[in-house]
Amino acid sequence: MLKFARRTFIAASVAMLTVGPAVAQEMGDDGLHKASWQRDTFKDLRDDLAEANAEGKRLLVMIEQRGCIYCKKMHEEVYPDLEITQMIEDNFFVVQINMFGDVEVTDFDGETLSEKDMVSKWNVLFTPTNLYLPEEVGEGLSATQAAVASVPGAFGRLTTYNMMRWVLDHGYDGEEPFQKFHARNIPAQQDAGKLNVYE
């Protein structure tokens, strides 16, 4: 009994040291989690893409909603991981869309709709859904048509990290699908204790 309790305490201590203390998540008036790396823009995706490119970053559109337990999981358990936070801050220009919001959004094809109508146009049914955009979007394409990856739902730290890495490496241009890329990288990441994969 004592050995079990000691192992549990040690494992918990290591986890706390790796992740750090729980970070209080700021909530906006819209009921959505607000992270410091999310951008407050006019939600014209063409302008957002141009600004992302100017900063040498990739545009990431996060579709979330009030009361979403999976959004909460991502914002409280995944995004605060130091490696993932650094990955986002260094490489992504993040725009948040409220699934049921009324703020106007201008799509790449020039159409302007409220957030809720835009999400309906995009046929997005789940939150969170992350749309990873390419550096250039063809004329007449919507965000969902242009996205190089559309990720619906909550995933663990390692899957989230590897998806971001795959996008940054232009894995979508190659022959190795994300699932194989992810599976190929897991053993080395586990051996390195990366992203608390032993939890």
Protein backbone atom coordinates (compact mmCIF):
# COMPACT_ATOMS: atom_id res chain seq x y z
CA MET A 1 0.00 0.00 0.00
CA LEU A 2 2.83 2.38 0.94
CA LYS A 3 4.75 1.55 -2.24
CA PHE A 4 1.69 2.25 -4.38
CA ALA A 5 1.04 5.57 -2.64
CA ARG A 6 4.72 6.56 -3.00
CA ARG A 7 4.71 5.72 -6.75
CA THR A 8 1.48 7.69 -7.22
CA PHE A 9 2.93 10.68 -5.37
CA ILE A 10 6.15 10.57 -7.44
CA ALA A 11 4.22 10.29 -10.71
CA ALA A 12 1.99 13.19 -9.72
CA SER A 13 5.01 15.28 -8.74
CA VAL A 14 6.76 14.61 -12.05
CA ALA A 15 3.57 15.52 -13.94
CA MET A 16 3.27 18.80 -12.02
CA LEU A 17 6.89 19.69 -12.72
CA THR A 18 6.50 18.98 -16.41
CA VAL A 19 3.21 20.74 -17.02
CA GLY A 20 3.47 23.37 -14.32
CA PRO A 21 0.63 24.60 -12.13
CA ALA A 22 -2.90 24.68 -13.48
CA VAL A 23 -3.43 27.95 -15.31
CA ALA A 24 -6.64 29.85 -14.68
CA GLN A 25 -8.37 30.19 -18.03
CA GLU A 26 -9.81 33.57 -18.91
CA MET A 27 -13.37 33.50 -20.22
CA GLY A 28 -14.71 36.13 -22.59
CA ASP A 29 -18.14 37.73 -22.49
CA ASP A 30 -19.09 35.25 -25.22
CA GLY A 31 -18.41 32.33 -22.86
CA LEU A 32 -15.36 31.17 -24.84
CA HIS A 33 -11.90 30.50 -23.44
CA LYS A 34 -9.45 33.27 -24.28
CA ALA A 35 -5.77 32.43 -24.68
CA SER A 36 -3.03 35.04 -24.98
CA TRP A 37 -2.00 33.65 -28.38
CA GLN A 38 -5.45 34.12 -29.95
CA ARG A 39 -5.67 37.22 -32.16
CA ASP A 40 -8.36 39.87 -31.96
CA THR A 41 -8.94 40.66 -35.63
CA PHE A 42 -11.76 41.95 -37.85
CA LYS A 43 -12.22 38.30 -38.91
CA ASP A 44 -11.55 38.98 -42.58
CA LEU A 45 -9.75 35.73 -43.28
CA ARG A 46 -8.00 37.16 -46.34
CA ASP A 47 -6.42 39.88 -44.18
CA ASP A 48 -5.69 37.39 -41.40
CA LEU A 49 -3.87 35.13 -43.86
CA ALA A 50 -1.83 38.05 -45.19
CA GLU A 51 -0.87 39.06 -41.65
CA ALA A 52 0.02 35.48 -40.73
CA ASN A 53 2.24 35.22 -43.81
CA ALA A 54 3.90 38.56 -42.99
CA GLU A 55 4.81 37.13 -39.57
CA GLY A 56 6.03 33.85 -41.07
CA LYS A 57 3.20 31.94 -39.37
CA ARG A 58 0.38 29.65 -40.41
CA LEU A 59 -3.26 30.68 -40.08
CA LEU A 60 -5.27 28.49 -37.71
CA VAL A 61 -9.02 29.04 -37.33
CA MET A 62 -10.45 27.61 -34.09
CA ILE A 63 -14.23 27.14 -34.03
CA GLU A 64 -15.53 26.88 -30.46
CA GLN A 65 -18.74 27.40 -28.49
CA ARG A 66 -19.95 28.35 -25.02
CA GLY A 67 -20.22 25.39 -22.65
CA CYS A 68 -18.20 23.04 -24.88
CA ILE A 69 -16.60 20.45 -22.59
CA TYR A 70 -14.11 19.47 -25.29
CA CYS A 71 -13.03 23.09 -25.81
CA LYS A 72 -12.54 23.27 -22.04
CA LYS A 73 -10.38 20.14 -22.15
CA MET A 74 -8.19 21.59 -24.89
CA HIS A 75 -7.79 24.97 -23.16
CA GLU A 76 -7.17 23.54 -19.69
CA GLU A 77 -5.25 20.33 -20.39
CA VAL A 78 -3.65 20.54 -23.83
CA TYR A 79 -2.86 24.09 -24.92
CA PRO A 80 -1.25 25.09 -21.57
CA ASP A 81 1.46 22.44 -22.03
CA LEU A 82 4.66 24.45 -22.34
CA GLU A 83 5.75 22.78 -25.58
CA ILE A 84 2.38 23.24 -27.23
CA THR A 85 2.08 26.85 -26.06
CA GLN A 86 5.53 27.53 -27.52
CA MET A 87 4.61 25.75 -30.76
CA ILE A 88 1.50 27.91 -31.16
CA GLU A 89 3.16 31.19 -30.20
CA ASP A 90 6.10 30.62 -32.53
CA ASN A 91 4.28 29.24 -35.55
CA PHE A 92 0.54 29.98 -35.66
CA PHE A 93 -1.72 33.00 -36.13
CA VAL A 94 -4.89 31.90 -34.35
CA VAL A 95 -8.36 33.31 -35.00
CA GLN A 96 -11.27 32.15 -32.86
CA ILE A 97 -14.77 31.78 -34.31
CA ASN A 98 -17.83 31.42 -32.07
CA MET A 99 -20.06 28.70 -33.49
CA PHE A 100 -23.18 30.64 -32.45
CA GLY A 101 -21.75 34.16 -32.57
CA ASP A 102 -23.01 37.22 -34.40
CA VAL A 103 -19.70 38.89 -35.26
CA GLU A 104 -19.21 39.24 -39.02
CA VAL A 105 -16.66 36.99 -40.71
CA THR A 106 -15.40 37.44 -44.27
CA ASP A 107 -14.48 34.18 -45.95
CA PHE A 108 -11.69 33.76 -48.49
CA ASP A 109 -14.28 33.76 -51.28
CA GLY A 110 -15.35 37.29 -50.21
CA GLU A 111 -18.67 36.31 -48.62
CA THR A 112 -19.43 38.06 -45.30
CA LEU A 113 -21.72 36.34 -42.81
CA SER A 114 -22.23 36.20 -39.06
CA GLU A 115 -20.06 33.64 -37.27
CA LYS A 116 -23.02 31.27 -36.82
CA ASP A 117 -24.03 31.52 -40.48
CA MET A 118 -20.43 31.11 -41.62
CA VAL A 119 -20.03 27.97 -39.50
CA SER A 120 -23.26 26.67 -41.05
CA LYS A 121 -21.93 27.47 -44.54
CA TRP A 122 -18.76 25.54 -43.70
CA ASN A 123 -20.84 22.55 -42.51
CA VAL A 124 -18.92 22.43 -39.24
CA LEU A 125 -20.91 20.37 -36.73
CA PHE A 126 -18.53 19.88 -33.80
CA THR A 127 -16.53 22.02 -31.44
CA PRO A 128 -13.75 22.46 -31.22
CA THR A 129 -12.91 22.25 -34.91
CA ASN A 130 -9.50 23.53 -35.98
CA LEU A 131 -8.95 24.57 -39.59
CA TYR A 132 -5.31 24.73 -40.66
CA LEU A 133 -4.90 26.96 -43.71
CA PRO A 134 -2.22 26.96 -46.41
CA GLU A 135 -0.03 29.99 -47.07
CA GLU A 136 -2.01 30.70 -50.26
CA VAL A 137 -5.72 30.17 -50.85
CA GLY A 138 -7.05 29.76 -54.37
CA GLU A 139 -9.60 32.21 -55.70
CA GLY A 140 -13.23 31.41 -54.88
CA LEU A 141 -12.46 28.87 -52.15
CA SER A 142 -14.06 28.89 -48.72
CA ALA A 143 -12.02 28.27 -45.57
CA THR A 144 -13.13 24.64 -45.33
CA GLN A 145 -12.39 24.02 -49.01
CA ALA A 146 -8.93 25.58 -48.64
CA ALA A 147 -7.96 23.98 -45.32
CA VAL A 148 -5.05 21.52 -45.51
CA ALA A 149 -6.38 19.85 -42.36
CA SER A 150 -9.69 20.03 -40.52
CA VAL A 151 -9.54 18.60 -37.00
CA PRO A 152 -12.89 18.15 -35.22
CA GLY A 153 -12.89 17.28 -31.53
CA ALA A 154 -10.49 17.19 -28.60
CA PHE A 155 -7.23 15.29 -28.79
CA GLY A 156 -4.34 14.66 -26.43
CA ARG A 157 -1.17 16.69 -26.26
CA LEU A 158 0.91 14.40 -28.45
CA THR A 159 -1.68 14.18 -31.24
CA THR A 160 -2.18 17.95 -31.15
CA TYR A 161 1.55 18.63 -31.22
CA ASN A 162 2.14 16.20 -34.07
CA MET A 163 -0.73 17.65 -36.12
CA MET A 164 0.83 21.09 -35.83
CA ARG A 165 4.25 19.70 -36.76
CA TRP A 166 2.76 17.84 -39.76
CA VAL A 167 1.11 21.05 -40.99
CA LEU A 168 4.30 23.09 -40.54
CA ASP A 169 6.31 20.40 -42.38
CA HIS A 170 3.78 20.40 -45.25
CA GLY A 171 3.07 16.74 -44.61
CA TYR A 172 -0.18 17.15 -46.53
CA ASP A 173 1.89 17.64 -49.71
CA GLY A 174 3.64 14.30 -49.28
CA GLU A 175 2.55 10.69 -49.46
CA GLU A 176 2.60 9.98 -45.72
CA PRO A 177 -0.83 10.66 -44.17
CA PHE A 178 -0.98 12.24 -40.76
CA GLN A 179 -1.89 8.98 -38.99
CA LYS A 180 1.32 7.30 -40.24
CA PHE A 181 3.41 10.38 -39.46
CA HIS A 182 1.97 10.41 -35.94
CA ALA A 183 2.52 6.67 -35.39
CA ARG A 184 6.10 6.90 -36.70
CA ASN A 185 7.00 9.70 -34.29
CA ILE A 186 5.35 8.39 -31.12
CA PRO A 187 8.07 5.88 -30.01
CA ALA A 188 10.86 8.47 -30.02
CA GLN A 189 8.63 11.03 -28.34
CA GLN A 190 7.63 8.55 -25.63
CA ASP A 191 11.26 7.60 -25.03
CA ALA A 192 12.08 11.28 -24.60
CA GLY A 193 9.15 11.75 -22.19
CA LYS A 194 7.81 14.43 -24.51
CA LEU A 195 4.55 16.16 -23.62
CA ASN A 196 3.83 13.99 -20.58
CA VAL A 197 2.89 11.00 -22.71
CA TYR A 198 3.35 8.71 -19.69
CA GLU A 199 0.42 10.27 -17.82
